[in-house]
N, C-alpha and C. Protein backbone atom coordinates (compact mmCIF):
# COMPACT_ATOMS: atom_id res chain seq x y z
N MET A 1 -25.18 27.77 -57.09
CA MET A 1 -24.86 28.08 -55.59
C MET A 1 -24.92 29.74 -55.38
N LYS A 2 -25.27 30.37 -56.45
CA LYS A 2 -25.93 31.80 -55.99
C LYS A 2 -24.93 32.71 -55.17
N PHE A 3 -23.05 32.54 -55.99
CA PHE A 3 -22.60 33.04 -55.42
C PHE A 3 -22.58 34.86 -55.86
N PRO A 4 -22.28 35.63 -55.06
CA PRO A 4 -22.49 37.06 -55.35
C PRO A 4 -21.34 37.36 -56.24
N ILE A 5 -21.29 38.07 -57.69
CA ILE A 5 -20.25 38.51 -58.46
C ILE A 5 -19.62 39.78 -57.95
N ILE A 6 -18.15 39.31 -57.27
CA ILE A 6 -17.59 40.56 -56.58
C ILE A 6 -16.49 41.24 -57.89
N PRO A 7 -16.43 42.67 -58.07
CA PRO A 7 -15.93 43.29 -58.87
C PRO A 7 -14.39 43.19 -58.68
N CYS A 8 -13.88 43.02 -59.86
CA CYS A 8 -12.10 42.51 -59.65
C CYS A 8 -11.55 43.62 -60.40
N ASP A 9 -10.70 44.34 -59.73
CA ASP A 9 -10.12 45.28 -60.24
C ASP A 9 -8.22 45.05 -60.77
N LEU A 10 -8.52 43.68 -61.00
CA LEU A 10 -7.32 42.76 -61.75
C LEU A 10 -7.30 42.85 -63.00
N CYS A 11 -8.23 42.11 -63.46
CA CYS A 11 -8.46 41.62 -64.46
C CYS A 11 -8.91 42.67 -65.76
N GLY A 12 -8.99 43.72 -65.46
CA GLY A 12 -8.95 44.84 -66.65
C GLY A 12 -10.30 44.87 -67.46
N SER A 13 -11.37 44.12 -66.72
CA SER A 13 -12.45 44.22 -67.48
C SER A 13 -13.61 45.30 -67.29
N GLN A 14 -13.34 46.28 -66.46
CA GLN A 14 -14.15 46.95 -65.87
C GLN A 14 -13.89 48.17 -66.40
N ASP A 15 -14.99 49.11 -66.98
CA ASP A 15 -14.81 50.31 -67.35
C ASP A 15 -14.21 51.27 -66.82
N GLY A 16 -13.67 52.11 -67.54
CA GLY A 16 -12.98 53.44 -66.51
C GLY A 16 -11.43 53.26 -65.92
N LEU A 17 -11.12 52.13 -65.99
CA LEU A 17 -9.59 51.75 -65.17
C LEU A 17 -8.78 52.71 -66.10
N GLN A 18 -7.58 53.13 -65.25
CA GLN A 18 -6.33 53.44 -66.05
C GLN A 18 -5.77 52.48 -66.99
N ARG A 19 -6.10 51.05 -67.22
CA ARG A 19 -5.45 50.04 -68.20
C ARG A 19 -6.23 50.63 -69.23
N ASN A 20 -7.40 50.80 -69.14
CA ASN A 20 -8.10 51.23 -70.45
C ASN A 20 -7.88 52.38 -71.12
N VAL A 21 -7.74 53.55 -70.28
CA VAL A 21 -6.99 55.01 -70.74
C VAL A 21 -5.61 54.53 -71.38
N MET A 22 -4.86 53.76 -71.16
CA MET A 22 -3.39 53.80 -71.77
C MET A 22 -4.00 52.82 -73.15
N LYS A 23 -4.15 52.00 -72.65
CA LYS A 23 -5.04 51.08 -73.96
C LYS A 23 -5.07 52.34 -75.34
N ASN A 24 -6.62 52.93 -74.97
CA ASN A 24 -7.10 53.93 -76.07
C ASN A 24 -5.83 54.54 -76.08
N MET A 25 -4.97 55.40 -75.46
CA MET A 25 -3.94 56.22 -75.96
C MET A 25 -2.84 55.54 -76.78
N ILE A 26 -2.44 54.58 -76.62
CA ILE A 26 -1.71 53.83 -77.43
C ILE A 26 -2.43 53.46 -78.45
N ALA A 27 -3.47 52.82 -78.68
CA ALA A 27 -4.31 52.84 -80.02
C ALA A 27 -4.30 53.86 -80.71
N ASP A 28 -4.52 55.12 -80.02
CA ASP A 28 -4.44 56.55 -81.16
C ASP A 28 -3.26 56.99 -81.62
N ILE A 29 -2.28 56.57 -80.86
CA ILE A 29 -0.99 57.01 -81.30
C ILE A 29 -0.39 55.89 -82.62
N GLU A 30 -0.55 54.57 -82.49
CA GLU A 30 -0.44 54.38 -83.45
C GLU A 30 -1.25 54.42 -84.57
N GLN A 31 -2.42 55.03 -84.56
CA GLN A 31 -3.39 55.15 -85.57
C GLN A 31 -2.69 56.59 -86.37
N ARG A 32 -2.11 57.38 -85.55
CA ARG A 32 -1.68 58.54 -86.02
C ARG A 32 -0.18 58.48 -87.14
N MET A 33 0.65 57.39 -86.01
CA MET A 33 1.66 57.26 -86.41
C MET A 33 2.07 55.81 -86.62
N PRO A 34 1.97 55.20 -87.55
CA PRO A 34 2.17 53.54 -87.72
C PRO A 34 3.43 52.90 -87.22
N GLY A 35 3.64 52.09 -86.36
CA GLY A 35 4.87 51.47 -85.87
C GLY A 35 5.21 52.02 -84.73
N ARG A 36 4.74 52.98 -84.16
CA ARG A 36 5.29 53.47 -82.60
C ARG A 36 5.01 52.17 -81.69
N LYS A 37 3.88 51.63 -81.97
CA LYS A 37 3.52 50.56 -80.99
C LYS A 37 4.86 49.65 -80.48
N ASP A 38 5.27 49.09 -81.80
CA ASP A 38 6.46 48.00 -82.02
C ASP A 38 7.60 48.81 -81.91
N THR A 39 7.74 50.13 -81.93
CA THR A 39 8.74 50.98 -81.48
C THR A 39 8.78 50.94 -79.86
N MET A 40 7.84 51.29 -79.46
CA MET A 40 7.95 51.19 -77.48
C MET A 40 8.54 49.70 -77.36
N ILE A 41 7.78 48.73 -77.72
CA ILE A 41 7.81 47.36 -77.02
C ILE A 41 9.13 47.16 -77.42
N ARG A 42 9.95 47.28 -78.35
CA ARG A 42 11.46 46.85 -78.27
C ARG A 42 12.19 47.84 -77.65
N ALA A 43 11.37 48.93 -77.29
CA ALA A 43 12.48 50.03 -76.39
C ALA A 43 12.57 49.42 -75.21
N LEU A 44 11.74 48.65 -74.87
CA LEU A 44 11.49 48.04 -73.24
C LEU A 44 12.20 46.89 -73.50
N GLY A 45 12.59 46.79 -74.59
CA GLY A 45 13.64 45.12 -74.23
C GLY A 45 15.18 45.78 -74.20
N ASN A 46 15.33 47.07 -74.29
CA ASN A 46 16.66 47.40 -74.56
C ASN A 46 16.90 48.36 -73.20
N ALA A 47 16.15 48.35 -71.93
CA ALA A 47 16.56 49.12 -70.98
C ALA A 47 17.67 48.18 -70.24
N ASN A 48 18.61 49.23 -69.72
CA ASN A 48 19.75 48.93 -68.96
C ASN A 48 19.35 49.00 -67.52
N PRO A 49 19.97 48.13 -66.83
CA PRO A 49 19.89 47.99 -65.39
C PRO A 49 20.26 49.51 -64.59
N SER A 50 21.29 50.38 -65.21
CA SER A 50 21.62 51.76 -64.78
C SER A 50 20.13 52.64 -64.85
N HIS A 51 19.77 52.29 -65.95
CA HIS A 51 18.44 53.57 -66.45
C HIS A 51 17.24 52.83 -65.48
N LEU A 52 17.46 52.13 -64.79
CA LEU A 52 15.95 51.81 -63.60
C LEU A 52 15.69 52.74 -62.56
N LEU A 53 17.52 53.02 -62.00
CA LEU A 53 17.45 53.47 -60.83
C LEU A 53 16.74 52.42 -59.79
N ASP A 54 17.61 51.43 -59.76
CA ASP A 54 17.38 50.34 -58.85
C ASP A 54 18.51 49.90 -58.28
N ALA A 55 18.94 50.06 -56.80
CA ALA A 55 20.13 49.77 -56.62
C ALA A 55 20.40 48.17 -56.12
N SER A 56 19.21 47.59 -56.11
CA SER A 56 19.53 45.90 -56.09
C SER A 56 19.89 45.49 -57.67
N LEU A 57 19.44 46.35 -58.66
CA LEU A 57 20.14 45.80 -60.32
C LEU A 57 21.47 46.69 -60.35
N PHE A 58 21.88 47.67 -60.01
CA PHE A 58 23.14 48.06 -60.07
C PHE A 58 23.69 48.83 -59.15
N ASP A 59 24.90 49.14 -59.13
CA ASP A 59 25.97 49.61 -57.93
C ASP A 59 26.25 51.13 -58.27
N PHE A 60 25.03 52.23 -57.64
CA PHE A 60 25.52 53.64 -58.40
C PHE A 60 26.67 54.13 -57.30
N SER A 61 26.74 53.16 -56.03
CA SER A 61 27.77 54.01 -55.23
C SER A 61 29.46 53.87 -55.78
N ALA A 62 29.46 52.91 -56.61
CA ALA A 62 30.74 52.53 -57.47
C ALA A 62 30.79 53.86 -58.69
N LEU A 63 29.99 54.59 -59.04
CA LEU A 63 30.45 55.26 -60.18
C LEU A 63 31.27 56.59 -59.81
N ASN A 64 31.89 57.02 -58.68
CA ASN A 64 32.27 58.21 -57.77
C ASN A 64 33.54 57.78 -58.63
């Protein structure tokens, strides 16, 4: 049907996106310090609701 191909910023396939920059940065860190990527992924699973500074997840007004 000859539809035009429209660039998509959501899929991450374009060059120069911040997603690609972060991917390269994490790969560099992992190469210099093996195991850091796994440590970062585990740390994301250990986040407490109060650490996210989101009032809908934690009642900060009750801390007084």
